[in-house]
PDB file of N, CA and C in Angstrom:
ATOM      1  N   UNK A   1       4.944 116.432 -31.647  1.00  0.00           N
ATOM      2  CA  UNK A   1       4.812 115.540 -32.785  1.00  0.00           C
ATOM      3  C   UNK A   1       3.335 115.514 -33.186  1.00  0.00           C
ATOM      4  N   UNK A   2       3.119 115.634 -34.481  1.00  0.00           N
ATOM      5  CA  UNK A   2       1.742 115.613 -34.961  1.00  0.00           C
ATOM      6  C   UNK A   2       1.226 114.185 -35.065  1.00  0.00           C
ATOM      7  N   UNK A   3      -0.074 114.071 -35.191  1.00  0.00           N
ATOM      8  CA  UNK A   3      -0.710 112.759 -35.325  1.00  0.00           C
ATOM      9  C   UNK A   3      -0.198 112.035 -36.568  1.00  0.00           C
ATOM     10  N   UNK A   4      -0.044 112.786 -37.650  1.00  0.00           N
ATOM     11  CA  UNK A   4       0.423 112.183 -38.903  1.00  0.00           C
ATOM     12  C   UNK A   4       1.855 111.672 -38.769  1.00  0.00           C
ATOM     13  N   UNK A   5       2.711 112.458 -38.137  1.00  0.00           N
ATOM     14  CA  UNK A   5       4.097 112.035 -37.930  1.00  0.00           C
ATOM     15  C   UNK A   5       4.156 110.768 -37.083  1.00  0.00           C
ATOM     16  N   UNK A   6       3.326 110.719 -36.057  1.00  0.00           N
ATOM     17  CA  UNK A   6       3.311 109.538 -35.199  1.00  0.00           C
ATOM     18  C   UNK A   6       2.840 108.313 -35.983  1.00  0.00           C
ATOM     19  N   UNK A   7       1.824 108.480 -36.811  1.00  0.00           N
ATOM     20  CA  UNK A   7       1.329 107.366 -37.627  1.00  0.00           C
ATOM     21  C   UNK A   7       2.406 106.879 -38.601  1.00  0.00           C
ATOM     22  N   UNK A   8       3.161 107.810 -39.186  1.00  0.00           N
ATOM     23  CA  UNK A   8       4.246 107.435 -40.099  1.00  0.00           C
ATOM     24  C   UNK A   8       5.324 106.655 -39.360  1.00  0.00           C
ATOM     25  N   UNK A   9       5.646 107.094 -38.153  1.00  0.00           N
ATOM     26  CA  UNK A   9       6.650 106.392 -37.354  1.00  0.00           C
ATOM     27  C   UNK A   9       6.160 105.002 -36.969  1.00  0.00           C
ATOM     28  N   UNK A  10       4.891 104.891 -36.605  1.00  0.00           N
ATOM     29  CA  UNK A  10       4.339 103.586 -36.248  1.00  0.00           C
ATOM     30  C   UNK A  10       4.346 102.639 -37.447  1.00  0.00           C
ATOM     31  N   UNK A  11       4.066 103.176 -38.619  1.00  0.00           N
ATOM     32  CA  UNK A  11       4.089 102.357 -39.836  1.00  0.00           C
ATOM     33  C   UNK A  11       5.522 101.899 -40.141  1.00  0.00           C
ATOM     34  N   UNK A  12       6.474 102.822 -40.034  1.00  0.00           N
ATOM     35  CA  UNK A  12       7.872 102.470 -40.265  1.00  0.00           C
ATOM     36  C   UNK A  12       8.335 101.438 -39.245  1.00  0.00           C
ATOM     37  N   UNK A  13       7.903 101.597 -38.009  1.00  0.00           N
ATOM     38  CA  UNK A  13       8.254 100.667 -36.940  1.00  0.00           C
ATOM     39  C   UNK A  13       7.736  99.261 -37.248  1.00  0.00           C
ATOM     40  N   UNK A  14       6.512  99.177 -37.711  1.00  0.00           N
ATOM     41  CA  UNK A  14       5.928  97.880 -38.048  1.00  0.00           C
ATOM     42  C   UNK A  14       6.706  97.214 -39.189  1.00  0.00           C
ATOM     43  N   UNK A  15       7.099  97.995 -40.179  1.00  0.00           N
ATOM     44  CA  UNK A  15       7.864  97.437 -41.298  1.00  0.00           C
ATOM     45  C   UNK A  15       9.229  96.940 -40.836  1.00  0.00           C
ATOM     46  N   UNK A  16       9.883  97.719 -39.988  1.00  0.00           N
ATOM     47  CA  UNK A  16      11.202  97.318 -39.492  1.00  0.00           C
ATOM     48  C   UNK A  16      11.105  96.045 -38.648  1.00  0.00           C
ATOM     49  N   UNK A  17      10.074  95.951 -37.818  1.00  0.00           N
ATOM     50  CA  UNK A  17       9.903  94.751 -36.987  1.00  0.00           C
ATOM     51  C   UNK A  17       9.628  93.527 -37.865  1.00  0.00           C
ATOM     52  N   UNK A  18       8.867  93.717 -38.925  1.00  0.00           N
ATOM     53  CA  UNK A  18       8.590  92.605 -39.829  1.00  0.00           C
ATOM     54  C   UNK A  18       9.870  92.144 -40.530  1.00  0.00           C
ATOM     55  N   UNK A  19      10.667  93.111 -40.995  1.00  0.00           N
ATOM     56  CA  UNK A  19      11.930  92.755 -41.646  1.00  0.00           C
ATOM     57  C   UNK A  19      12.862  92.056 -40.659  1.00  0.00           C
ATOM     58  N   UNK A  20      12.859  92.504 -39.403  1.00  0.00           N
ATOM     59  CA  UNK A  20      13.689  91.896 -38.367  1.00  0.00           C
ATOM     60  C   UNK A  20      13.295  90.429 -38.161  1.00  0.00           C
ATOM     61  N   UNK A  21      11.981  90.157 -38.113  1.00  0.00           N
ATOM     62  CA  UNK A  21      11.500  88.771 -37.961  1.00  0.00           C
ATOM     63  C   UNK A  21      11.870  87.930 -39.190  1.00  0.00           C
ATOM     64  N   UNK A  22      11.732  88.527 -40.373  1.00  0.00           N
ATOM     65  CA  UNK A  22      12.080  87.810 -41.602  1.00  0.00           C
ATOM     66  C   UNK A  22      13.561  87.436 -41.623  1.00  0.00           C
ATOM     67  N   UNK A  23      14.403  88.355 -41.148  1.00  0.00           N
ATOM     68  CA  UNK A  23      15.832  88.061 -41.089  1.00  0.00           C
ATOM     69  C   UNK A  23      16.105  86.916 -40.120  1.00  0.00           C
ATOM     70  N   UNK A  24      15.390  86.899 -39.018  1.00  0.00           N
ATOM     71  CA  UNK A  24      15.514  85.795 -38.055  1.00  0.00           C
ATOM     72  C   UNK A  24      15.266  84.458 -38.750  1.00  0.00           C
ATOM     73  N   UNK A  25      14.173  84.409 -39.509  1.00  0.00           N
ATOM     74  CA  UNK A  25      13.816  83.181 -40.228  1.00  0.00           C
ATOM     75  C   UNK A  25      14.887  82.814 -41.256  1.00  0.00           C
ATOM     76  N   UNK A  26      15.377  83.814 -41.979  1.00  0.00           N
ATOM     77  CA  UNK A  26      16.394  83.569 -43.005  1.00  0.00           C
ATOM     78  C   UNK A  26      17.694  83.057 -42.379  1.00  0.00           C
ATOM     79  N   UNK A  27      18.072  83.644 -41.259  1.00  0.00           N
ATOM     80  CA  UNK A  27      19.305  83.224 -40.576  1.00  0.00           C
ATOM     81  C   UNK A  27      19.166  81.781 -40.084  1.00  0.00           C
ATOM     82  N   UNK A  28      18.029  81.470 -39.492  1.00  0.00           N
ATOM     83  CA  UNK A  28      17.818  80.098 -39.007  1.00  0.00           C
ATOM     84  C   UNK A  28      17.845  79.101 -40.158  1.00  0.00           C
ATOM     85  N   UNK A  29      17.266  79.472 -41.287  1.00  0.00           N
ATOM     86  CA  UNK A  29      17.253  78.585 -42.447  1.00  0.00           C
ATOM     87  C   UNK A  29      18.669  78.355 -42.970  1.00  0.00           C
ATOM     88  N   UNK A  30      19.448  79.419 -43.041  1.00  0.00           N
ATOM     89  CA  UNK A  30      20.831  79.271 -43.517  1.00  0.00           C
ATOM     90  C   UNK A  30      21.668  78.446 -42.548  1.00  0.00           C
ATOM     91  N   UNK A  31      21.464  78.656 -41.256  1.00  0.00           N
ATOM     92  CA  UNK A  31      22.248  77.927 -40.257  1.00  0.00           C
ATOM     93  C   UNK A  31      21.892  76.444 -40.210  1.00  0.00           C
ATOM     94  N   UNK A  32      20.709  76.094 -40.659  1.00  0.00           N
ATOM     95  CA  UNK A  32      20.288  74.692 -40.611  1.00  0.00           C
ATOM     96  C   UNK A  32      20.823  73.878 -41.795  1.00  0.00           C
ATOM     97  N   UNK A  33      21.399  74.551 -42.779  1.00  0.00           N
ATOM     98  CA  UNK A  33      21.956  73.835 -43.932  1.00  0.00           C
ATOM     99  C   UNK A  33      23.221  73.094 -43.520  1.00  0.00           C
ATOM    100  N   UNK A  34      23.527  72.003 -44.205  1.00  0.00           N
ATOM    101  CA  UNK A  34      24.740  71.243 -43.865  1.00  0.00           C
ATOM    102  C   UNK A  34      26.025  72.062 -44.052  1.00  0.00           C
ATOM    103  N   UNK A  35      26.075  72.893 -45.077  1.00  0.00           N
ATOM    104  CA  UNK A  35      27.243  73.757 -45.326  1.00  0.00           C
ATOM    105  C   UNK A  35      26.767  75.207 -45.360  1.00  0.00           C
ATOM    106  N   UNK A  36      26.541  75.824 -44.182  1.00  0.00           N
ATOM    107  CA  UNK A  36      25.992  77.182 -44.159  1.00  0.00           C
ATOM    108  C   UNK A  36      26.967  78.213 -44.731  1.00  0.00           C
ATOM    109  N   UNK A  37      26.420  79.201 -45.401  1.00  0.00           N
ATOM    110  CA  UNK A  37      27.198  80.309 -45.955  1.00  0.00           C
ATOM    111  C   UNK A  37      27.440  81.313 -44.827  1.00  0.00           C
ATOM    112  N   UNK A  38      28.585  81.203 -44.177  1.00  0.00           N
ATOM    113  CA  UNK A  38      28.861  82.017 -42.995  1.00  0.00           C
ATOM    114  C   UNK A  38      28.939  83.504 -43.323  1.00  0.00           C
ATOM    115  N   UNK A  39      29.431  83.846 -44.502  1.00  0.00           N
ATOM    116  CA  UNK A  39      29.514  85.256 -44.881  1.00  0.00           C
ATOM    117  C   UNK A  39      28.111  85.854 -45.012  1.00  0.00           C
ATOM    118  N   UNK A  40      27.231  85.122 -45.646  1.00  0.00           N
ATOM    119  CA  UNK A  40      25.850  85.588 -45.795  1.00  0.00           C
ATOM    120  C   UNK A  40      25.171  85.707 -44.437  1.00  0.00           C
ATOM    121  N   UNK A  41      25.419  84.757 -43.559  1.00  0.00           N
ATOM    122  CA  UNK A  41      24.836  84.800 -42.213  1.00  0.00           C
ATOM    123  C   UNK A  41      25.339  86.036 -41.467  1.00  0.00           C
ATOM    124  N   UNK A  42      26.635  86.326 -41.575  1.00  0.00           N
ATOM    125  CA  UNK A  42      27.187  87.508 -40.913  1.00  0.00           C
ATOM    126  C   UNK A  42      26.547  88.780 -41.443  1.00  0.00           C
ATOM    127  N   UNK A  43      26.341  88.848 -42.744  1.00  0.00           N
ATOM    128  CA  UNK A  43      25.702  90.034 -43.338  1.00  0.00           C
ATOM    129  C   UNK A  43      24.271  90.203 -42.824  1.00  0.00           C
ATOM    130  N   UNK A  44      23.548  89.099 -42.758  1.00  0.00           N
ATOM    131  CA  UNK A  44      22.171  89.168 -42.280  1.00  0.00           C
ATOM    132  C   UNK A  44      22.117  89.569 -40.811  1.00  0.00           C
ATOM    133  N   UNK A  45      23.041  89.046 -40.014  1.00  0.00           N
ATOM    134  CA  UNK A  45      23.073  89.407 -38.597  1.00  0.00           C
ATOM    135  C   UNK A  45      23.427  90.882 -38.412  1.00  0.00           C
ATOM    136  N   UNK A  46      24.317  91.390 -39.246  1.00  0.00           N
ATOM    137  CA  UNK A  46      24.679  92.808 -39.179  1.00  0.00           C
ATOM    138  C   UNK A  46      23.468  93.672 -39.523  1.00  0.00           C
ATOM    139  N   UNK A  47      22.736  93.284 -40.549  1.00  0.00           N
ATOM    140  CA  UNK A  47      21.520  94.007 -40.938  1.00  0.00           C
ATOM    141  C   UNK A  47      20.488  93.941 -39.805  1.00  0.00           C
ATOM    142  N   UNK A  48      20.397  92.792 -39.167  1.00  0.00           N
ATOM    143  CA  UNK A  48      19.449  92.606 -38.059  1.00  0.00           C
ATOM    144  C   UNK A  48      19.794  93.541 -36.894  1.00  0.00           C
ATOM    145  N   UNK A  49      21.080  93.685 -36.596  1.00  0.00           N
ATOM    146  CA  UNK A  49      21.502  94.603 -35.532  1.00  0.00           C
ATOM    147  C   UNK A  49      21.168  96.045 -35.887  1.00  0.00           C
ATOM    148  N   UNK A  50      21.378  96.402 -37.158  1.00  0.00           N
ATOM    149  CA  UNK A  50      21.029  97.749 -37.606  1.00  0.00           C
ATOM    150  C   UNK A  50      19.531  97.992 -37.407  1.00  0.00           C
ATOM    151  N   UNK A  51      18.722  97.008 -37.786  1.00  0.00           N
ATOM    152  CA  UNK A  51      17.273  97.148 -37.648  1.00  0.00           C
ATOM    153  C   UNK A  51      16.880  97.286 -36.181  1.00  0.00           C
ATOM    154  N   UNK A  52      17.520  96.513 -35.316  1.00  0.00           N
ATOM    155  CA  UNK A  52      17.233  96.603 -33.882  1.00  0.00           C
ATOM    156  C   UNK A  52      17.510  98.014 -33.368  1.00  0.00           C
ATOM    157  N   UNK A  53      18.642  98.581 -33.776  1.00  0.00           N
ATOM    158  CA  UNK A  53      18.981  99.942 -33.354  1.00  0.00           C
ATOM    159  C   UNK A  53      17.974 100.954 -33.894  1.00  0.00           C
ATOM    160  N   UNK A  54      17.584 100.775 -35.134  1.00  0.00           N
ATOM    161  CA  UNK A  54      16.617 101.680 -35.763  1.00  0.00           C
ATOM    162  C   UNK A  54      15.245 101.577 -35.071  1.00  0.00           C
ATOM    163  N   UNK A  55      14.865 100.369 -34.704  1.00  0.00           N
ATOM    164  CA  UNK A  55      13.603 100.157 -33.987  1.00  0.00           C
ATOM    165  C   UNK A  55      13.637 100.895 -32.645  1.00  0.00           C
ATOM    166  N   UNK A  56      14.760 100.810 -31.951  1.00  0.00           N
ATOM    167  CA  UNK A  56      14.892 101.512 -30.665  1.00  0.00           C
ATOM    168  C   UNK A  56      14.792 103.024 -30.851  1.00  0.00           C
ATOM    169  N   UNK A  57      15.424 103.540 -31.911  1.00  0.00           N
ATOM    170  CA  UNK A  57      15.380 104.980 -32.175  1.00  0.00           C
ATOM    171  C   UNK A  57      13.944 105.443 -32.394  1.00  0.00           C
ATOM    172  N   UNK A  58      13.206 104.693 -33.182  1.00  0.00           N
ATOM    173  CA  UNK A  58      11.824 105.073 -33.462  1.00  0.00           C
ATOM    174  C   UNK A  58      10.970 104.940 -32.205  1.00  0.00           C
ATOM    175  N   UNK A  59      11.199 103.882 -31.430  1.00  0.00           N
ATOM    176  CA  UNK A  59      10.479 103.731 -30.157  1.00  0.00           C
ATOM    177  C   UNK A  59      10.716 104.939 -29.255  1.00  0.00           C
ATOM    178  N   UNK A  60      11.965 105.394 -29.203  1.00  0.00           N
ATOM    179  CA  UNK A  60      12.303 106.550 -28.367  1.00  0.00           C
ATOM    180  C   UNK A  60      11.637 107.827 -28.882  1.00  0.00           C
ATOM    181  N   UNK A  61      11.464 107.940 -30.190  1.00  0.00           N
ATOM    182  CA  UNK A  61      10.792 109.118 -30.744  1.00  0.00           C
ATOM    183  C   UNK A  61       9.307 109.097 -30.396  1.00  0.00           C
ATOM    184  N   UNK A  62       8.721 107.924 -30.436  1.00  0.00           N
ATOM    185  CA  UNK A  62       7.290 107.806 -30.156  1.00  0.00           C
ATOM    186  C   UNK A  62       7.019 107.975 -28.672  1.00  0.00           C
ATOM    187  N   UNK A  63       7.796 107.285 -27.849  1.00  0.00           N
ATOM    188  CA  UNK A  63       7.647 107.372 -26.392  1.00  0.00           C
ATOM    189  C   UNK A  63       8.969 107.814 -25.785  1.00  0.00           C
ATOM    190  N   UNK A  64       9.213 109.114 -25.747  1.00  0.00           N
ATOM    191  CA  UNK A  64      10.502 109.583 -25.199  1.00  0.00           C
ATOM    192  C   UNK A  64      10.640 109.239 -23.720  1.00  0.00           C
ATOM    193  N   UNK A  65      11.882 109.010 -23.324  1.00  0.00           N
ATOM    194  CA  UNK A  65      12.190 108.699 -21.934  1.00  0.00           C
ATOM    195  C   UNK A  65      12.161 110.001 -21.147  1.00  0.00           C
ATOM    196  N   UNK A  66      11.100 110.218 -20.387  1.00  0.00           N
ATOM    197  CA  UNK A  66      10.930 111.463 -19.649  1.00  0.00           C
ATOM    198  C   UNK A  66      11.428 111.281 -18.222  1.00  0.00           C
ATOM    199  N   UNK A  67      12.375 112.132 -17.863  1.00  0.00           N
ATOM    200  CA  UNK A  67      12.911 112.110 -16.493  1.00  0.00           C
ATOM    201  C   UNK A  67      12.149 113.154 -15.695  1.00  0.00           C
ATOM    202  N   UNK A  68      11.446 112.711 -14.678  1.00  0.00           N
ATOM    203  CA  UNK A  68      10.624 113.640 -13.890  1.00  0.00           C
ATOM    204  C   UNK A  68      11.409 114.251 -12.761  1.00  0.00           C
TER     205      UNK A  68
END
């Protein structure tokens, strides 16, 4: 992996982590309402799971699991 590719992955990783945190905040805000929109919460949680998986994929690309 080149230096540039690694920098691009690190940048993408930072963006995904930020979006993941933002979704956390949005979900908590929706859940705190007296009549929460459960469908919207489910959609946000699904997106959050996708982001978590994507973050893991990028982490694995940056630091591959090397079996010695």
